[in-house]
Amino acid sequence: MSISFLTSVLNDMDNAARVNRDKAANIVLNQPELVKNLVDLTFDTDNKLSIKAAWVLEWMCTHQGISHIIPYLDIFTQNISKVHFDSVIRPCAKICEHLAKAYTSKSDNAVKHKLTQDHIDLIIETGFDWLISDQKIAVRAYTMTSLYLFGLEKDWIHPELKHLISTKIIHESKGCKARGKHVLEMIEKQKNNSHETI
C-alpha cells in the first residue's frame, strides 16, 4: 500500500468524529507500512491533509497504544516545533503528554527504553514555545502536564513552568486557570517530597 491509498482513506474522513478516526486508524494498523506515511503526512506542514493525519495518529497513540509512535520518535520530535495548524498542534501535544506519562510511569514500558534525552529536550523546548505562544486550551493543558512530568527528572523545569503559569497562564481562560492551578499544586507537593502524579 502507498501514500496515495492513505491519502484516499484520509480524504474519506468527513470530520474528526470518533467513528471516522477509529475506522482510519484500524485501516492503518492493519497495514503497518502505512504508519510511517501517516507520520510523514502529519508533518507535511502546509498540507491541509496533515490535520486528518494528525487526528488519526493521535487516536492510534491514545486508543491502541503509544508504542505505535516509537519507531518514529526522531521524526516526531524533530518536527513538532514546525507544525502550525491548530488542529495538528493539539494531537501532537496530546502525544507528547502520552510519551511523558509513559516515560515517568512506575511500570516498565518501551517508551522508557526508546525515548532519548534528545527526544525529551525537543519535546520540552517545543512545549515551552507552545505555552508562551497563542495556543488553544487543550494544547496548554497537555503541555503543562508533559512539562510537569519531565520536570520530575529535570529540576530546572518546575521553576520555569511555575513562573510561566503564575505570570501568564493563570490569567487566561477558566480551563487554563484550572489546569494551571492544579499543576502549581503538584509542583508544590513535589517540592515537599510528595509523589502524587497527575
N, C-alpha and C. Protein backbone atom coordinates (compact mmCIF):
# COMPACT_ATOMS: atom_id res chain seq x y z
N MET A 1 0.84 -1.19 0.00
CA MET A 1 0.00 0.00 0.00
C MET A 1 0.89 1.25 0.00
N SER A 2 0.34 2.31 -0.52
CA SER A 2 1.15 3.51 -0.70
C SER A 2 0.52 4.70 -0.02
N ILE A 3 1.26 5.79 -0.10
CA ILE A 3 0.75 7.03 0.49
C ILE A 3 -0.52 7.49 -0.24
N SER A 4 -0.66 7.13 -1.50
CA SER A 4 -1.87 7.53 -2.23
C SER A 4 -3.10 6.82 -1.67
N PHE A 5 -2.90 5.56 -1.23
CA PHE A 5 -4.01 4.84 -0.58
C PHE A 5 -4.36 5.53 0.74
N LEU A 6 -3.33 5.86 1.52
CA LEU A 6 -3.57 6.54 2.80
C LEU A 6 -4.28 7.87 2.56
N THR A 7 -3.85 8.59 1.54
CA THR A 7 -4.48 9.87 1.21
C THR A 7 -5.97 9.68 0.92
N SER A 8 -6.30 8.61 0.20
CA SER A 8 -7.72 8.37 -0.10
C SER A 8 -8.50 8.03 1.16
N VAL A 9 -7.87 7.28 2.10
CA VAL A 9 -8.52 6.95 3.38
C VAL A 9 -8.81 8.23 4.16
N LEU A 10 -7.81 9.11 4.21
CA LEU A 10 -7.97 10.36 4.97
C LEU A 10 -8.98 11.29 4.30
N ASN A 11 -8.97 11.32 2.98
CA ASN A 11 -9.93 12.16 2.26
C ASN A 11 -11.37 11.71 2.48
N ASP A 12 -11.53 10.41 2.77
CA ASP A 12 -12.88 9.87 3.02
C ASP A 12 -13.42 10.26 4.40
N MET A 13 -12.54 10.77 5.28
CA MET A 13 -12.99 11.21 6.61
C MET A 13 -13.69 12.55 6.48
N ASP A 14 -14.96 12.61 6.88
CA ASP A 14 -15.69 13.87 6.78
C ASP A 14 -15.28 14.85 7.89
N ASN A 15 -14.99 14.28 9.07
CA ASN A 15 -14.67 15.13 10.23
C ASN A 15 -13.91 14.31 11.26
N ALA A 16 -13.69 14.90 12.43
CA ALA A 16 -12.89 14.24 13.46
C ALA A 16 -13.72 13.35 14.38
N ALA A 17 -14.93 12.99 13.96
CA ALA A 17 -15.77 12.13 14.79
C ALA A 17 -15.01 10.85 15.15
N ARG A 18 -15.30 10.34 16.35
CA ARG A 18 -14.62 9.13 16.85
C ARG A 18 -14.69 7.99 15.85
N VAL A 19 -15.85 7.77 15.28
CA VAL A 19 -16.03 6.65 14.37
C VAL A 19 -15.12 6.78 13.15
N ASN A 20 -14.94 7.99 12.65
CA ASN A 20 -14.07 8.21 11.48
C ASN A 20 -12.61 7.99 11.82
N ARG A 21 -12.18 8.51 12.98
CA ARG A 21 -10.78 8.33 13.37
C ARG A 21 -10.48 6.86 13.65
N ASP A 22 -11.45 6.19 14.28
CA ASP A 22 -11.26 4.78 14.62
C ASP A 22 -11.15 3.93 13.35
N LYS A 23 -12.02 4.20 12.40
CA LYS A 23 -12.01 3.44 11.15
C LYS A 23 -10.68 3.63 10.41
N ALA A 24 -10.24 4.88 10.29
CA ALA A 24 -8.98 5.16 9.59
C ALA A 24 -7.79 4.55 10.33
N ALA A 25 -7.80 4.65 11.67
CA ALA A 25 -6.70 4.08 12.47
C ALA A 25 -6.62 2.57 12.28
N ASN A 26 -7.75 1.91 12.23
CA ASN A 26 -7.77 0.45 12.04
C ASN A 26 -7.24 0.06 10.66
N ILE A 27 -7.55 0.85 9.66
CA ILE A 27 -7.01 0.58 8.31
C ILE A 27 -5.49 0.69 8.34
N VAL A 28 -4.98 1.74 8.99
CA VAL A 28 -3.53 1.93 9.07
C VAL A 28 -2.88 0.80 9.87
N LEU A 29 -3.47 0.44 10.99
CA LEU A 29 -2.89 -0.60 11.84
C LEU A 29 -2.89 -1.97 11.16
N ASN A 30 -3.85 -2.21 10.29
CA ASN A 30 -3.90 -3.46 9.54
C ASN A 30 -2.86 -3.52 8.43
N GLN A 31 -2.26 -2.36 8.12
CA GLN A 31 -1.20 -2.28 7.11
C GLN A 31 -0.08 -1.42 7.69
N PRO A 32 0.74 -2.02 8.58
CA PRO A 32 1.71 -1.25 9.37
C PRO A 32 2.67 -0.38 8.56
N GLU A 33 2.87 -0.74 7.29
CA GLU A 33 3.77 0.09 6.46
C GLU A 33 3.19 1.48 6.24
N LEU A 34 1.87 1.64 6.51
CA LEU A 34 1.24 2.95 6.35
C LEU A 34 1.51 3.89 7.53
N VAL A 35 2.00 3.34 8.66
CA VAL A 35 2.20 4.19 9.83
C VAL A 35 3.24 5.28 9.53
N LYS A 36 4.34 4.90 8.88
CA LYS A 36 5.36 5.92 8.55
C LYS A 36 4.77 6.98 7.62
N ASN A 37 3.95 6.55 6.65
CA ASN A 37 3.30 7.52 5.76
C ASN A 37 2.40 8.47 6.54
N LEU A 38 1.73 7.92 7.54
CA LEU A 38 0.85 8.74 8.38
C LEU A 38 1.66 9.78 9.15
N VAL A 39 2.79 9.36 9.70
CA VAL A 39 3.67 10.28 10.44
C VAL A 39 4.20 11.35 9.48
N ASP A 40 4.69 10.91 8.32
CA ASP A 40 5.22 11.87 7.34
C ASP A 40 4.17 12.89 6.92
N LEU A 41 2.96 12.41 6.71
CA LEU A 41 1.88 13.30 6.28
C LEU A 41 1.48 14.28 7.40
N THR A 42 1.55 13.82 8.65
CA THR A 42 1.27 14.71 9.79
C THR A 42 2.20 15.92 9.76
N PHE A 43 3.44 15.70 9.34
CA PHE A 43 4.42 16.79 9.35
C PHE A 43 4.66 17.41 7.98
N ASP A 44 3.74 17.16 7.05
CA ASP A 44 3.72 17.87 5.78
C ASP A 44 2.98 19.17 6.06
N THR A 45 3.68 20.10 6.67
CA THR A 45 3.07 21.19 7.44
C THR A 45 2.14 22.13 6.68
N ASP A 46 2.30 22.25 5.36
CA ASP A 46 1.42 23.16 4.62
C ASP A 46 0.27 22.43 3.93
N ASN A 47 0.22 21.13 4.14
CA ASN A 47 -0.82 20.32 3.52
C ASN A 47 -1.99 20.19 4.50
N LYS A 48 -3.18 20.62 4.09
CA LYS A 48 -4.35 20.55 4.98
C LYS A 48 -4.68 19.11 5.40
N LEU A 49 -4.24 18.13 4.59
CA LEU A 49 -4.48 16.73 4.93
C LEU A 49 -3.69 16.32 6.17
N SER A 50 -2.67 17.12 6.52
CA SER A 50 -1.89 16.83 7.73
C SER A 50 -2.78 16.88 8.97
N ILE A 51 -3.86 17.65 8.91
CA ILE A 51 -4.80 17.73 10.04
C ILE A 51 -5.45 16.37 10.29
N LYS A 52 -5.96 15.76 9.22
CA LYS A 52 -6.60 14.45 9.38
C LYS A 52 -5.57 13.38 9.75
N ALA A 53 -4.36 13.48 9.20
CA ALA A 53 -3.31 12.53 9.56
C ALA A 53 -3.00 12.63 11.05
N ALA A 54 -2.92 13.85 11.56
CA ALA A 54 -2.63 14.05 12.98
C ALA A 54 -3.75 13.51 13.86
N TRP A 55 -5.01 13.70 13.43
CA TRP A 55 -6.15 13.15 14.19
C TRP A 55 -6.00 11.64 14.34
N VAL A 56 -5.67 10.97 13.22
CA VAL A 56 -5.58 9.51 13.23
C VAL A 56 -4.37 9.04 14.02
N LEU A 57 -3.25 9.73 13.88
CA LEU A 57 -2.04 9.36 14.62
C LEU A 57 -2.28 9.46 16.12
N GLU A 58 -2.89 10.55 16.55
CA GLU A 58 -3.18 10.72 17.99
C GLU A 58 -4.18 9.67 18.47
N TRP A 59 -5.18 9.36 17.66
CA TRP A 59 -6.18 8.35 18.02
C TRP A 59 -5.50 7.00 18.24
N MET A 60 -4.59 6.65 17.33
CA MET A 60 -3.86 5.39 17.46
C MET A 60 -3.05 5.36 18.76
N CYS A 61 -2.34 6.45 19.03
CA CYS A 61 -1.49 6.51 20.23
C CYS A 61 -2.32 6.50 21.51
N THR A 62 -3.51 7.08 21.47
CA THR A 62 -4.38 7.15 22.64
C THR A 62 -5.13 5.85 22.88
N HIS A 63 -5.66 5.26 21.81
CA HIS A 63 -6.56 4.13 21.97
C HIS A 63 -5.95 2.77 21.63
N GLN A 64 -4.85 2.77 20.88
CA GLN A 64 -4.23 1.49 20.53
C GLN A 64 -2.80 1.38 21.03
N GLY A 65 -2.35 2.39 21.76
CA GLY A 65 -1.05 2.29 22.40
C GLY A 65 -0.01 3.26 21.85
N ILE A 66 0.71 3.89 22.77
CA ILE A 66 1.74 4.86 22.42
C ILE A 66 2.90 4.20 21.67
N SER A 67 2.99 2.88 21.76
CA SER A 67 4.10 2.17 21.11
C SER A 67 4.13 2.38 19.60
N HIS A 68 3.01 2.77 19.00
CA HIS A 68 2.97 2.96 17.55
C HIS A 68 3.85 4.12 17.09
N ILE A 69 4.13 5.06 17.95
CA ILE A 69 4.96 6.20 17.56
C ILE A 69 6.45 5.91 17.78
N ILE A 70 6.77 4.89 18.55
CA ILE A 70 8.16 4.65 18.95
C ILE A 70 9.15 4.56 17.79
N PRO A 71 8.84 3.82 16.71
CA PRO A 71 9.82 3.77 15.62
C PRO A 71 10.05 5.12 14.93
N TYR A 72 9.18 6.07 15.21
CA TYR A 72 9.23 7.36 14.51
C TYR A 72 9.51 8.52 15.46
N LEU A 73 10.12 8.22 16.60
CA LEU A 73 10.37 9.27 17.60
C LEU A 73 11.29 10.36 17.06
N ASP A 74 12.27 10.00 16.25
CA ASP A 74 13.16 11.03 15.68
C ASP A 74 12.36 11.99 14.81
N ILE A 75 11.55 11.44 13.90
CA ILE A 75 10.74 12.28 13.00
C ILE A 75 9.78 13.13 13.82
N PHE A 76 9.11 12.49 14.78
CA PHE A 76 8.11 13.19 15.58
C PHE A 76 8.73 14.35 16.36
N THR A 77 9.78 14.08 17.12
CA THR A 77 10.33 15.12 18.00
C THR A 77 11.05 16.23 17.22
N GLN A 78 11.61 15.88 16.06
CA GLN A 78 12.31 16.89 15.28
C GLN A 78 11.37 17.80 14.49
N ASN A 79 10.11 17.39 14.40
CA ASN A 79 9.17 18.16 13.57
C ASN A 79 8.01 18.81 14.32
N ILE A 80 7.81 18.45 15.60
CA ILE A 80 6.65 19.02 16.30
C ILE A 80 6.72 20.55 16.39
N SER A 81 7.92 21.10 16.42
CA SER A 81 8.04 22.56 16.53
C SER A 81 7.66 23.27 15.23
N LYS A 82 7.55 22.50 14.13
CA LYS A 82 7.30 23.11 12.82
C LYS A 82 5.83 23.16 12.44
N VAL A 83 4.99 22.39 13.14
CA VAL A 83 3.57 22.39 12.77
C VAL A 83 2.92 23.71 13.16
N HIS A 84 1.96 24.13 12.36
CA HIS A 84 1.35 25.44 12.65
C HIS A 84 -0.18 25.44 12.59
N PHE A 85 -0.79 24.40 12.02
CA PHE A 85 -2.25 24.33 12.08
C PHE A 85 -2.65 23.95 13.50
N ASP A 86 -3.61 24.68 14.08
CA ASP A 86 -4.09 24.36 15.43
C ASP A 86 -4.50 22.90 15.57
N SER A 87 -5.15 22.40 14.51
CA SER A 87 -5.69 21.04 14.56
C SER A 87 -4.62 19.97 14.38
N VAL A 88 -3.38 20.37 14.16
CA VAL A 88 -2.24 19.44 14.17
C VAL A 88 -1.49 19.58 15.49
N ILE A 89 -1.37 20.80 15.97
CA ILE A 89 -0.65 21.03 17.23
C ILE A 89 -1.33 20.29 18.38
N ARG A 90 -2.67 20.34 18.44
CA ARG A 90 -3.37 19.68 19.56
C ARG A 90 -3.08 18.18 19.63
N PRO A 91 -3.21 17.42 18.53
CA PRO A 91 -2.88 16.00 18.61
C PRO A 91 -1.40 15.75 18.96
N CYS A 92 -0.51 16.59 18.43
CA CYS A 92 0.91 16.43 18.76
C CYS A 92 1.17 16.67 20.24
N ALA A 93 0.50 17.68 20.80
CA ALA A 93 0.65 17.95 22.24
C ALA A 93 0.12 16.79 23.07
N LYS A 94 -0.97 16.17 22.62
CA LYS A 94 -1.53 15.01 23.32
C LYS A 94 -0.57 13.83 23.27
N ILE A 95 0.06 13.60 22.12
CA ILE A 95 1.03 12.51 22.00
C ILE A 95 2.23 12.78 22.92
N CYS A 96 2.65 14.03 23.00
CA CYS A 96 3.74 14.39 23.93
C CYS A 96 3.35 14.06 25.37
N GLU A 97 2.10 14.34 25.73
CA GLU A 97 1.63 14.01 27.08
C GLU A 97 1.67 12.50 27.30
N HIS A 98 1.24 11.72 26.32
CA HIS A 98 1.29 10.25 26.43
C HIS A 98 2.74 9.79 26.63
N LEU A 99 3.66 10.37 25.87
CA LEU A 99 5.08 10.00 25.99
C LEU A 99 5.62 10.33 27.37
N ALA A 100 5.25 11.51 27.88
CA ALA A 100 5.72 11.92 29.21
C ALA A 100 5.17 10.99 30.29
N LYS A 101 3.89 10.63 30.16
CA LYS A 101 3.28 9.74 31.15
C LYS A 101 3.94 8.36 31.12
N ALA A 102 4.18 7.84 29.92
CA ALA A 102 4.81 6.52 29.80
C ALA A 102 6.24 6.56 30.33
N TYR A 103 6.96 7.62 30.00
CA TYR A 103 8.37 7.73 30.39
C TYR A 103 8.53 7.82 31.91
N THR A 104 7.60 8.50 32.55
CA THR A 104 7.71 8.69 34.01
C THR A 104 6.88 7.68 34.80
N SER A 105 6.28 6.73 34.09
CA SER A 105 5.47 5.70 34.74
C SER A 105 6.34 4.81 35.64
N LYS A 106 5.73 4.27 36.68
CA LYS A 106 6.46 3.36 37.57
C LYS A 106 6.64 1.99 36.92
N SER A 107 5.79 1.66 35.96
CA SER A 107 5.91 0.35 35.31
C SER A 107 6.82 0.45 34.08
N ASP A 108 7.52 -0.64 33.82
CA ASP A 108 8.44 -0.68 32.69
C ASP A 108 7.65 -0.68 31.39
N ASN A 109 8.14 0.02 30.38
CA ASN A 109 7.48 0.05 29.07
C ASN A 109 8.50 0.45 28.02
N ALA A 110 8.12 0.29 26.76
CA ALA A 110 9.05 0.53 25.65
C ALA A 110 9.50 1.98 25.56
N VAL A 111 8.62 2.93 25.94
CA VAL A 111 8.98 4.35 25.86
C VAL A 111 10.20 4.64 26.74
N LYS A 112 10.27 4.04 27.91
CA LYS A 112 11.40 4.25 28.82
C LYS A 112 12.73 3.86 28.17
N HIS A 113 12.69 2.89 27.27
CA HIS A 113 13.91 2.40 26.62
C HIS A 113 14.25 3.12 25.33
N LYS A 114 13.25 3.74 24.71
CA LYS A 114 13.45 4.31 23.37
C LYS A 114 13.44 5.84 23.32
N LEU A 115 12.81 6.47 24.31
CA LEU A 115 12.76 7.94 24.33
C LEU A 115 14.09 8.45 24.89
N THR A 116 14.87 9.10 24.04
CA THR A 116 16.20 9.56 24.45
C THR A 116 16.13 10.96 25.08
N GLN A 117 17.24 11.37 25.66
CA GLN A 117 17.30 12.72 26.22
C GLN A 117 17.16 13.78 25.13
N ASP A 118 17.67 13.48 23.93
CA ASP A 118 17.49 14.42 22.80
C ASP A 118 16.01 14.57 22.46
N HIS A 119 15.29 13.44 22.43
CA HIS A 119 13.84 13.49 22.17
C HIS A 119 13.15 14.34 23.23
N ILE A 120 13.48 14.06 24.50
CA ILE A 120 12.86 14.77 25.62
C ILE A 120 13.14 16.26 25.55
N ASP A 121 14.38 16.61 25.24
CA ASP A 121 14.76 18.03 25.14
C ASP A 121 13.96 18.75 24.06
N LEU A 122 13.73 18.07 22.94
CA LEU A 122 12.94 18.68 21.85
C LEU A 122 11.48 18.85 22.26
N ILE A 123 10.94 17.87 22.98
CA ILE A 123 9.56 17.98 23.47
C ILE A 123 9.44 19.14 24.46
N ILE A 124 10.41 19.24 25.36
CA ILE A 124 10.40 20.31 26.37
C ILE A 124 10.50 21.68 25.71
N GLU A 125 11.44 21.82 24.77
CA GLU A 125 11.65 23.10 24.09
C GLU A 125 10.38 23.52 23.35
N THR A 126 9.79 22.59 22.63
CA THR A 126 8.56 22.90 21.90
C THR A 126 7.42 23.20 22.86
N GLY A 127 7.36 22.45 23.97
CA GLY A 127 6.32 22.68 24.97
C GLY A 127 6.36 24.10 25.53
N PHE A 128 7.54 24.56 25.88
CA PHE A 128 7.64 25.93 26.39
C PHE A 128 7.25 26.94 25.30
N ASP A 129 7.64 26.66 24.06
CA ASP A 129 7.23 27.55 22.96
C ASP A 129 5.71 27.60 22.84
N TRP A 130 5.08 26.44 22.96
CA TRP A 130 3.60 26.41 22.88
C TRP A 130 2.97 27.20 24.03
N LEU A 131 3.56 27.13 25.21
CA LEU A 131 2.98 27.83 26.36
C LEU A 131 3.11 29.35 26.26
N ILE A 132 4.17 29.81 25.60
CA ILE A 132 4.34 31.27 25.52
C ILE A 132 3.71 31.86 24.26
N SER A 133 3.21 30.98 23.36
CA SER A 133 2.55 31.49 22.15
C SER A 133 1.03 31.33 22.31
N ASP A 134 0.32 31.82 21.32
CA ASP A 134 -1.14 31.81 21.39
C ASP A 134 -1.67 30.44 20.96
N GLN A 135 -1.99 29.58 21.93
CA GLN A 135 -2.46 28.23 21.64
C GLN A 135 -3.81 27.98 22.30
N LYS A 136 -4.49 26.96 21.82
CA LYS A 136 -5.78 26.56 22.38
C LYS A 136 -5.60 25.98 23.78
N ILE A 137 -6.70 25.95 24.54
CA ILE A 137 -6.67 25.46 25.92
C ILE A 137 -6.13 24.03 26.00
N ALA A 138 -6.58 23.16 25.10
CA ALA A 138 -6.16 21.75 25.15
C ALA A 138 -4.64 21.63 25.00
N VAL A 139 -4.06 22.40 24.10
CA VAL A 139 -2.61 22.36 23.89
C VAL A 139 -1.90 22.78 25.17
N ARG A 140 -2.37 23.83 25.79
CA ARG A 140 -1.76 24.31 27.04
C ARG A 140 -1.89 23.26 28.15
N ALA A 141 -3.06 22.65 28.25
CA ALA A 141 -3.30 21.65 29.30
C ALA A 141 -2.38 20.44 29.13
N TYR A 142 -2.35 19.88 27.92
CA TYR A 142 -1.48 18.71 27.67
C TYR A 142 -0.02 19.06 27.92
N THR A 143 0.37 20.26 27.49
CA THR A 143 1.76 20.68 27.60
C THR A 143 2.18 20.91 29.04
N MET A 144 1.31 21.52 29.84
CA MET A 144 1.64 21.72 31.26
C MET A 144 1.87 20.37 31.94
N THR A 145 1.04 19.39 31.61
CA THR A 145 1.19 18.06 32.18
C THR A 145 2.52 17.44 31.75
N SER A 146 2.83 17.51 30.46
CA SER A 146 4.09 16.95 29.95
C SER A 146 5.29 17.58 30.64
N LEU A 147 5.28 18.91 30.72
CA LEU A 147 6.43 19.60 31.33
C LEU A 147 6.54 19.28 32.82
N TYR A 148 5.40 19.20 33.49
CA TYR A 148 5.43 18.82 34.91
C TYR A 148 6.11 17.45 35.06
N LEU A 149 5.68 16.50 34.23
CA LEU A 149 6.21 15.13 34.36
C LEU A 149 7.69 15.06 34.02
N PHE A 150 8.12 15.71 32.95
CA PHE A 150 9.55 15.71 32.62
C PHE A 150 10.34 16.48 33.67
N GLY A 151 9.68 17.44 34.32
CA GLY A 151 10.32 18.19 35.40
C GLY A 151 10.61 17.37 36.64
N LEU A 152 10.02 16.18 36.73
CA LEU A 152 10.33 15.28 37.85
C LEU A 152 11.77 14.80 37.75
N GLU A 153 12.33 14.85 36.54
CA GLU A 153 13.71 14.40 36.34
C GLU A 153 14.66 15.54 36.01
N LYS A 154 14.13 16.62 35.49
CA LYS A 154 14.99 17.77 35.15
C LYS A 154 14.58 18.92 36.06
N ASP A 155 15.41 19.19 37.04
CA ASP A 155 14.99 20.10 38.12
C ASP A 155 14.83 21.56 37.71
N TRP A 156 15.31 21.94 36.54
CA TRP A 156 15.16 23.34 36.12
C TRP A 156 13.76 23.62 35.57
N ILE A 157 13.02 22.57 35.18
CA ILE A 157 11.74 22.76 34.50
C ILE A 157 10.67 23.32 35.43
N HIS A 158 10.52 22.76 36.63
CA HIS A 158 9.43 23.19 37.52
C HIS A 158 9.48 24.68 37.85
N PRO A 159 10.66 25.25 38.19
CA PRO A 159 10.67 26.70 38.45
C PRO A 159 10.24 27.53 37.24
N GLU A 160 10.70 27.11 36.04
CA GLU A 160 10.33 27.83 34.81
C GLU A 160 8.83 27.70 34.54
N LEU A 161 8.31 26.49 34.71
CA LEU A 161 6.89 26.22 34.47
C LEU A 161 6.05 26.99 35.48
N LYS A 162 6.47 26.97 36.72
CA LYS A 162 5.75 27.68 37.79
C LYS A 162 5.67 29.18 37.47
N HIS A 163 6.79 29.74 37.05
CA HIS A 163 6.83 31.17 36.72
C HIS A 163 5.87 31.49 35.56
N LEU A 164 5.91 30.65 34.52
CA LEU A 164 5.07 30.87 33.35
C LEU A 164 3.59 30.76 33.70
N ILE A 165 3.24 29.76 34.49
CA ILE A 165 1.84 29.59 34.89
C ILE A 165 1.39 30.77 35.75
N SER A 166 2.22 31.15 36.71
CA SER A 166 1.85 32.22 37.66
C SER A 166 1.72 33.58 37.00
N THR A 167 2.58 33.86 36.02
CA THR A 167 2.59 35.19 35.43
C THR A 167 1.74 35.32 34.18
N LYS A 168 1.47 34.19 33.50
CA LYS A 168 0.76 34.28 32.22
C LYS A 168 -0.51 33.41 32.18
N ILE A 169 -0.32 32.12 32.32
CA ILE A 169 -1.41 31.17 32.06
C ILE A 169 -2.56 31.29 33.04
N ILE A 170 -2.26 31.58 34.28
CA ILE A 170 -3.30 31.65 35.32
C ILE A 170 -4.26 32.82 35.08
N HIS A 171 -3.85 33.75 34.22
CA HIS A 171 -4.68 34.92 33.91
C HIS A 171 -5.48 34.75 32.62
N GLU A 172 -5.43 33.55 32.06
CA GLU A 172 -6.13 33.31 30.79
C GLU A 172 -7.50 32.69 31.04
N SER A 173 -7.93 31.80 30.18
CA SER A 173 -9.29 31.24 30.28
C SER A 173 -9.47 30.39 31.53
N LYS A 174 -10.74 30.09 31.84
CA LYS A 174 -11.05 29.27 33.02
C LYS A 174 -10.37 27.91 32.95
N GLY A 175 -10.38 27.30 31.76
CA GLY A 175 -9.76 26.00 31.59
C GLY A 175 -8.27 26.02 31.86
N CYS A 176 -7.60 27.04 31.32
CA CYS A 176 -6.15 27.18 31.55
C CYS A 176 -5.87 27.47 33.02
N LYS A 177 -6.71 28.31 33.60
CA LYS A 177 -6.54 28.67 35.00
C LYS A 177 -6.66 27.44 35.90
N ALA A 178 -7.66 26.61 35.63
CA ALA A 178 -7.89 25.41 36.44
C ALA A 178 -6.72 24.44 36.34
N ARG A 179 -6.29 24.14 35.10
CA ARG A 179 -5.17 23.22 34.93
C ARG A 179 -3.89 23.82 35.50
N GLY A 180 -3.71 25.13 35.28
CA GLY A 180 -2.53 25.81 35.81
C GLY A 180 -2.45 25.71 37.32
N LYS A 181 -3.58 25.96 37.99
CA LYS A 181 -3.60 25.86 39.46
C LYS A 181 -3.27 24.44 39.91
N HIS A 182 -3.82 23.46 39.20
CA HIS A 182 -3.58 22.06 39.55
C HIS A 182 -2.09 21.73 39.42
N VAL A 183 -1.48 22.18 38.32
CA VAL A 183 -0.05 21.91 38.11
C VAL A 183 0.79 22.62 39.16
N LEU A 184 0.43 23.84 39.51
CA LEU A 184 1.15 24.55 40.57
C LEU A 184 1.08 23.79 41.89
N GLU A 185 -0.10 23.25 42.19
CA GLU A 185 -0.24 22.44 43.42
C GLU A 185 0.65 21.20 43.36
N MET A 186 0.71 20.56 42.19
CA MET A 186 1.54 19.37 42.04
C MET A 186 3.02 19.71 42.22
N ILE A 187 3.43 20.86 41.67
CA ILE A 187 4.83 21.29 41.82
C ILE A 187 5.15 21.52 43.30
N GLU A 188 4.22 22.17 44.01
CA GLU A 188 4.45 22.42 45.44
C GLU A 188 4.53 21.11 46.22
N LYS A 189 3.63 20.19 45.91
CA LYS A 189 3.64 18.90 46.60
C LYS A 189 4.93 18.14 46.30
N GLN A 190 5.36 18.22 45.05
CA GLN A 190 6.60 17.54 44.66
C GLN A 190 7.78 18.15 45.41
N LYS A 191 7.74 19.46 45.53
CA LYS A 191 8.81 20.15 46.25
C LYS A 191 8.86 19.69 47.70
N ASN A 192 7.69 19.36 48.21
CA ASN A 192 7.60 18.87 49.59
C ASN A 192 7.71 17.35 49.67
N ASN A 193 8.34 16.78 48.64
CA ASN A 193 8.63 15.34 48.59
C ASN A 193 7.41 14.44 48.49
N SER A 194 6.31 14.98 47.96
CA SER A 194 5.16 14.12 47.70
C SER A 194 5.36 13.49 46.33
N HIS A 195 4.84 12.29 46.14
CA HIS A 195 5.00 11.61 44.85
C HIS A 195 3.67 11.48 44.13
N GLU A 196 2.75 12.35 44.45
CA GLU A 196 1.45 12.32 43.76
C GLU A 196 1.66 12.67 42.30
N THR A 197 0.92 12.02 41.42
CA THR A 197 1.02 12.30 39.99
C THR A 197 -0.30 12.82 39.46
N ILE A 198 -0.21 13.38 38.28
CA ILE A 198 -1.41 13.94 37.63
C ILE A 198 -2.26 12.79 37.11
